[in-house]
Amino acid sequence: MTDVRASPSELEFVEAVAMQLEQQGLVRMSGRAIGWLLICEPAEQTLGQIAEALSVSVGAMSTALRQLVPGRLVERFRRPGERGDRYRIDPHAWIEHAMTQASRYGEFRQVTARGLELLGEEPPARSRRLREMYDFYEWLECEMPLVWSRWEQAKKERMQHDPCGAGRGTQ
């Protein structure tokens, strides 16, 4: 298989994904890897293929992929008989990532509760910011199970109408 460089429009998409993910705290090169793996064909790529497609160094892409694999946003695997690793997007990674983040809402609410307890005798103005944060995380903690339930229902309904997922890869 020969390496292929991404087209200008593909590179624009990849960069847009990278910029969005950078705003969420991810390193831009890691965001580029995700952007490319979302649209590349074949869906499984070697390190060299990804670097070549994006016209970046293998070293920079290797570092980016090493940051993504432990968080399970990108899956590294090896085909039997091949010497090199391949990378692909785990279709369930986004849901798992969001659920992991949501599980932390309760933990953070508990931390803010300790802060409110600490400021218990202080004037209410001093704890206003912390109270707002506590209330928000308490609300998220209650709402997220409903969101997951609605997502599962919507996914079931979509699969009934479109059992192949129309190429969306979210089966």
C-alpha atoms as a PDB file:
ATOM      1  CA  MET A   1       0.000   0.000   0.000  1.00  0.00           C
ATOM      2  CA  THR A   2       1.359   3.391  -0.936  1.00  0.00           C
ATOM      3  CA  ASP A   3       1.132   6.343   1.356  1.00  0.00           C
ATOM      4  CA  VAL A   4      -1.304   9.077   0.385  1.00  0.00           C
ATOM      5  CA  ARG A   5      -1.224  12.732   1.331  1.00  0.00           C
ATOM      6  CA  ALA A   6      -4.450  14.271   2.541  1.00  0.00           C
ATOM      7  CA  SER A   7      -6.171  16.655   0.148  1.00  0.00           C
ATOM      8  CA  PRO A   8      -6.374  20.351   1.033  1.00  0.00           C
ATOM      9  CA  SER A   9     -10.028  19.980   2.045  1.00  0.00           C
ATOM     10  CA  GLU A  10      -9.204  16.961   4.185  1.00  0.00           C
ATOM     11  CA  LEU A  11      -6.389  18.920   5.828  1.00  0.00           C
ATOM     12  CA  GLU A  12      -8.812  21.767   6.542  1.00  0.00           C
ATOM     13  CA  PHE A  13     -11.167  19.314   8.257  1.00  0.00           C
ATOM     14  CA  VAL A  14      -8.297  17.729  10.211  1.00  0.00           C
ATOM     15  CA  GLU A  15      -7.137  21.150  11.367  1.00  0.00           C
ATOM     16  CA  ALA A  16     -10.684  22.144  12.387  1.00  0.00           C
ATOM     17  CA  VAL A  17     -10.947  18.976  14.508  1.00  0.00           C
ATOM     18  CA  ALA A  18      -7.513  19.648  16.001  1.00  0.00           C
ATOM     19  CA  MET A  19      -8.443  23.217  16.901  1.00  0.00           C
ATOM     20  CA  GLN A  20     -11.674  22.109  18.592  1.00  0.00           C
ATOM     21  CA  LEU A  21      -9.895  19.427  20.582  1.00  0.00           C
ATOM     22  CA  GLU A  22      -7.106  21.841  21.495  1.00  0.00           C
ATOM     23  CA  GLN A  23      -9.729  24.112  23.036  1.00  0.00           C
ATOM     24  CA  GLN A  24     -10.733  21.121  25.155  1.00  0.00           C
ATOM     25  CA  GLY A  25      -7.167  20.635  26.381  1.00  0.00           C
ATOM     26  CA  LEU A  26      -5.709  18.198  23.867  1.00  0.00           C
ATOM     27  CA  VAL A  27      -2.381  18.862  22.141  1.00  0.00           C
ATOM     28  CA  ARG A  28      -3.013  20.019  18.578  1.00  0.00           C
ATOM     29  CA  MET A  29      -0.966  17.215  16.957  1.00  0.00           C
ATOM     30  CA  SER A  30      -3.059  14.664  18.839  1.00  0.00           C
ATOM     31  CA  GLY A  31      -6.156  16.407  17.542  1.00  0.00           C
ATOM     32  CA  ARG A  32      -4.771  16.144  14.009  1.00  0.00           C
ATOM     33  CA  ALA A  33      -4.303  12.411  14.471  1.00  0.00           C
ATOM     34  CA  ILE A  34      -7.907  12.066  15.595  1.00  0.00           C
ATOM     35  CA  GLY A  35      -9.147  14.248  12.748  1.00  0.00           C
ATOM     36  CA  TRP A  36      -7.339  12.122  10.175  1.00  0.00           C
ATOM     37  CA  LEU A  37      -8.403   8.814  11.710  1.00  0.00           C
ATOM     38  CA  LEU A  38     -12.025   9.972  11.592  1.00  0.00           C
ATOM     39  CA  ILE A  39     -11.962  10.328   7.786  1.00  0.00           C
ATOM     40  CA  CYS A  40      -9.082   8.254   6.387  1.00  0.00           C
ATOM     41  CA  GLU A  41      -9.466   5.243   4.146  1.00  0.00           C
ATOM     42  CA  PRO A  42      -8.625   2.644   5.097  1.00  0.00           C
ATOM     43  CA  ALA A  43      -9.811   3.359   8.614  1.00  0.00           C
ATOM     44  CA  GLU A  44      -6.755   1.602  10.041  1.00  0.00           C
ATOM     45  CA  GLN A  45      -3.462   3.403   9.458  1.00  0.00           C
ATOM     46  CA  THR A  46       0.180   2.868  10.330  1.00  0.00           C
ATOM     47  CA  LEU A  47       2.190   5.584  12.012  1.00  0.00           C
ATOM     48  CA  GLY A  48       3.980   6.236   8.722  1.00  0.00           C
ATOM     49  CA  GLN A  49       0.729   6.519   6.780  1.00  0.00           C
ATOM     50  CA  ILE A  50      -0.708   9.047   9.222  1.00  0.00           C
ATOM     51  CA  ALA A  51       2.472  11.132   9.254  1.00  0.00           C
ATOM     52  CA  GLU A  52       2.731  11.053   5.460  1.00  0.00           C
ATOM     53  CA  ALA A  53      -0.929  11.958   4.953  1.00  0.00           C
ATOM     54  CA  LEU A  54      -0.605  14.981   7.234  1.00  0.00           C
ATOM     55  CA  SER A  55       2.921  15.939   6.107  1.00  0.00           C
ATOM     56  CA  VAL A  56       4.270  15.813   9.648  1.00  0.00           C
ATOM     57  CA  SER A  57       7.266  14.055  11.133  1.00  0.00           C
ATOM     58  CA  VAL A  58       6.947  10.473  12.290  1.00  0.00           C
ATOM     59  CA  GLY A  59       8.396  11.536  15.651  1.00  0.00           C
ATOM     60  CA  ALA A  60       5.759  14.203  16.228  1.00  0.00           C
ATOM     61  CA  MET A  61       2.947  11.843  15.253  1.00  0.00           C
ATOM     62  CA  SER A  62       4.387   9.051  17.384  1.00  0.00           C
ATOM     63  CA  THR A  63       4.306  11.336  20.420  1.00  0.00           C
ATOM     64  CA  ALA A  64       0.724  12.389  19.632  1.00  0.00           C
ATOM     65  CA  LEU A  65      -0.481   8.808  19.267  1.00  0.00           C
ATOM     66  CA  ARG A  66       1.271   7.757  22.477  1.00  0.00           C
ATOM     67  CA  GLN A  67      -0.807  10.392  24.279  1.00  0.00           C
ATOM     68  CA  LEU A  68      -4.078   9.172  22.736  1.00  0.00           C
ATOM     69  CA  VAL A  69      -3.783   5.415  23.193  1.00  0.00           C
ATOM     70  CA  PRO A  70      -3.892   5.286  27.034  1.00  0.00           C
ATOM     71  CA  GLY A  71      -7.054   7.403  27.046  1.00  0.00           C
ATOM     72  CA  ARG A  72      -8.562   4.962  24.536  1.00  0.00           C
ATOM     73  CA  LEU A  73      -9.508   7.681  22.068  1.00  0.00           C
ATOM     74  CA  VAL A  74      -7.291   5.874  19.567  1.00  0.00           C
ATOM     75  CA  GLU A  75      -6.754   2.131  19.514  1.00  0.00           C
ATOM     76  CA  ARG A  76      -3.354   0.618  18.684  1.00  0.00           C
ATOM     77  CA  PHE A  77      -3.290  -2.922  17.364  1.00  0.00           C
ATOM     78  CA  ARG A  78      -1.228  -5.240  15.218  1.00  0.00           C
ATOM     79  CA  ARG A  79      -2.461  -7.583  12.518  1.00  0.00           C
ATOM     80  CA  PRO A  80      -1.130 -11.138  12.686  1.00  0.00           C
ATOM     81  CA  GLY A  81       2.033 -11.437  10.650  1.00  0.00           C
ATOM     82  CA  GLU A  82       2.719  -7.690  10.481  1.00  0.00           C
ATOM     83  CA  ARG A  83       5.614  -6.056  12.266  1.00  0.00           C
ATOM     84  CA  GLY A  84       4.184  -2.579  12.671  1.00  0.00           C
ATOM     85  CA  ASP A  85       1.326  -1.262  14.725  1.00  0.00           C
ATOM     86  CA  ARG A  86      -1.798   0.230  13.225  1.00  0.00           C
ATOM     87  CA  TYR A  87      -4.117   2.849  14.696  1.00  0.00           C
ATOM     88  CA  ARG A  88      -7.838   3.439  14.434  1.00  0.00           C
ATOM     89  CA  ILE A  89     -10.597   5.324  16.186  1.00  0.00           C
ATOM     90  CA  ASP A  90     -12.505   3.216  18.669  1.00  0.00           C
ATOM     91  CA  PRO A  91     -16.157   3.856  17.704  1.00  0.00           C
ATOM     92  CA  HIS A  92     -17.192   3.777  21.364  1.00  0.00           C
ATOM     93  CA  ALA A  93     -14.346   5.960  22.615  1.00  0.00           C
ATOM     94  CA  TRP A  94     -16.323   9.201  22.654  1.00  0.00           C
ATOM     95  CA  ILE A  95     -19.140   7.728  24.711  1.00  0.00           C
ATOM     96  CA  GLU A  96     -16.721   6.114  27.152  1.00  0.00           C
ATOM     97  CA  HIS A  97     -14.714   9.332  27.407  1.00  0.00           C
ATOM     98  CA  ALA A  98     -17.839  11.381  28.108  1.00  0.00           C
ATOM     99  CA  MET A  99     -19.052   8.842  30.667  1.00  0.00           C
ATOM    100  CA  THR A 100     -15.693   8.914  32.424  1.00  0.00           C
ATOM    101  CA  GLN A 101     -15.845  12.696  32.551  1.00  0.00           C
ATOM    102  CA  ALA A 102     -19.412  12.557  33.859  1.00  0.00           C
ATOM    103  CA  SER A 103     -18.418  10.150  36.626  1.00  0.00           C
ATOM    104  CA  ARG A 104     -16.128  12.883  37.924  1.00  0.00           C
ATOM    105  CA  TYR A 105     -18.995  15.336  38.416  1.00  0.00           C
ATOM    106  CA  GLY A 106     -19.952  13.747  41.727  1.00  0.00           C
ATOM    107  CA  GLU A 107     -16.353  13.739  42.875  1.00  0.00           C
ATOM    108  CA  PHE A 108     -15.981  17.416  42.104  1.00  0.00           C
ATOM    109  CA  ARG A 109     -19.312  18.227  43.733  1.00  0.00           C
ATOM    110  CA  GLN A 110     -17.971  16.588  46.912  1.00  0.00           C
ATOM    111  CA  VAL A 111     -14.864  18.767  46.767  1.00  0.00           C
ATOM    112  CA  THR A 112     -17.010  21.893  46.416  1.00  0.00           C
ATOM    113  CA  ALA A 113     -19.156  20.703  49.336  1.00  0.00           C
ATOM    114  CA  ARG A 114     -16.016  20.620  51.472  1.00  0.00           C
ATOM    115  CA  GLY A 115     -15.268  24.166  50.360  1.00  0.00           C
ATOM    116  CA  LEU A 116     -18.758  25.306  51.312  1.00  0.00           C
ATOM    117  CA  GLU A 117     -18.331  23.669  54.694  1.00  0.00           C
ATOM    118  CA  LEU A 118     -15.004  25.460  55.099  1.00  0.00           C
ATOM    119  CA  LEU A 119     -16.681  28.799  54.336  1.00  0.00           C
ATOM    120  CA  GLY A 120     -19.767  28.020  56.404  1.00  0.00           C
ATOM    121  CA  GLU A 121     -19.386  30.954  58.841  1.00  0.00           C
ATOM    122  CA  GLU A 122     -18.191  33.430  56.226  1.00  0.00           C
ATOM    123  CA  PRO A 123     -20.467  36.019  54.609  1.00  0.00           C
ATOM    124  CA  PRO A 124     -22.564  34.514  51.767  1.00  0.00           C
ATOM    125  CA  ALA A 125     -20.872  36.774  49.217  1.00  0.00           C
ATOM    126  CA  ARG A 126     -17.601  34.930  49.790  1.00  0.00           C
ATOM    127  CA  SER A 127     -19.087  31.529  48.973  1.00  0.00           C
ATOM    128  CA  ARG A 128     -21.306  32.675  46.071  1.00  0.00           C
ATOM    129  CA  ARG A 129     -18.905  31.454  43.334  1.00  0.00           C
ATOM    130  CA  LEU A 130     -18.384  28.138  45.058  1.00  0.00           C
ATOM    131  CA  ARG A 131     -22.140  27.733  45.668  1.00  0.00           C
ATOM    132  CA  GLU A 132     -22.790  28.277  41.940  1.00  0.00           C
ATOM    133  CA  MET A 133     -20.229  25.625  41.055  1.00  0.00           C
ATOM    134  CA  TYR A 134     -21.628  23.206  43.631  1.00  0.00           C
ATOM    135  CA  ASP A 135     -25.179  23.691  42.332  1.00  0.00           C
ATOM    136  CA  PHE A 136     -24.066  23.181  38.737  1.00  0.00           C
ATOM    137  CA  TYR A 137     -22.183  19.955  39.454  1.00  0.00           C
ATOM    138  CA  GLU A 138     -25.048  18.685  41.591  1.00  0.00           C
ATOM    139  CA  TRP A 139     -27.376  19.349  38.645  1.00  0.00           C
ATOM    140  CA  LEU A 140     -25.012  17.607  36.197  1.00  0.00           C
ATOM    141  CA  GLU A 141     -24.715  14.623  38.501  1.00  0.00           C
ATOM    142  CA  CYS A 142     -28.511  14.252  38.474  1.00  0.00           C
ATOM    143  CA  GLU A 143     -28.997  14.936  34.759  1.00  0.00           C
ATOM    144  CA  MET A 144     -26.269  12.796  33.204  1.00  0.00           C
ATOM    145  CA  PRO A 145     -27.942   9.429  33.840  1.00  0.00           C
ATOM    146  CA  LEU A 146     -30.986  10.792  32.001  1.00  0.00           C
ATOM    147  CA  VAL A 147     -28.807  11.957  29.123  1.00  0.00           C
ATOM    148  CA  TRP A 148     -27.187   8.504  28.810  1.00  0.00           C
ATOM    149  CA  SER A 149     -30.607   6.872  28.877  1.00  0.00           C
ATOM    150  CA  ARG A 150     -31.903   9.169  26.129  1.00  0.00           C
ATOM    151  CA  TRP A 151     -28.765   8.517  24.072  1.00  0.00           C
ATOM    152  CA  GLU A 152     -29.215   4.742  24.313  1.00  0.00           C
ATOM    153  CA  GLN A 153     -32.870   5.085  23.292  1.00  0.00           C
ATOM    154  CA  ALA A 154     -32.007   7.333  20.339  1.00  0.00           C
ATOM    155  CA  LYS A 155     -29.301   4.894  19.245  1.00  0.00           C
ATOM    156  CA  LYS A 156     -31.756   1.975  19.350  1.00  0.00           C
ATOM    157  CA  GLU A 157     -34.303   3.930  17.333  1.00  0.00           C
ATOM    158  CA  ARG A 158     -31.702   4.943  14.772  1.00  0.00           C
ATOM    159  CA  MET A 159     -30.533   1.360  14.385  1.00  0.00           C
ATOM    160  CA  GLN A 160     -34.126   0.208  13.786  1.00  0.00           C
ATOM    161  CA  HIS A 161     -34.474   2.690  10.918  1.00  0.00           C
ATOM    162  CA  ASP A 162     -30.898   2.396   9.658  1.00  0.00           C
ATOM    163  CA  PRO A 163     -29.427  -0.968  10.755  1.00  0.00           C
ATOM    164  CA  CYS A 164     -26.173  -0.429   8.863  1.00  0.00           C
ATOM    165  CA  GLY A 165     -25.560   2.943  10.495  1.00  0.00           C
ATOM    166  CA  ALA A 166     -25.187   4.520   7.053  1.00  0.00           C
ATOM    167  CA  GLY A 167     -21.454   4.302   7.416  1.00  0.00           C
ATOM    168  CA  ARG A 168     -21.451   6.166  10.720  1.00  0.00           C
ATOM    169  CA  GLY A 169     -19.603   3.408  12.551  1.00  0.00           C
ATOM    170  CA  THR A 170     -21.678   3.684  15.738  1.00  0.00           C
ATOM    171  CA  GLN A 171     -23.257   0.274  15.948  1.00  0.00           C
END
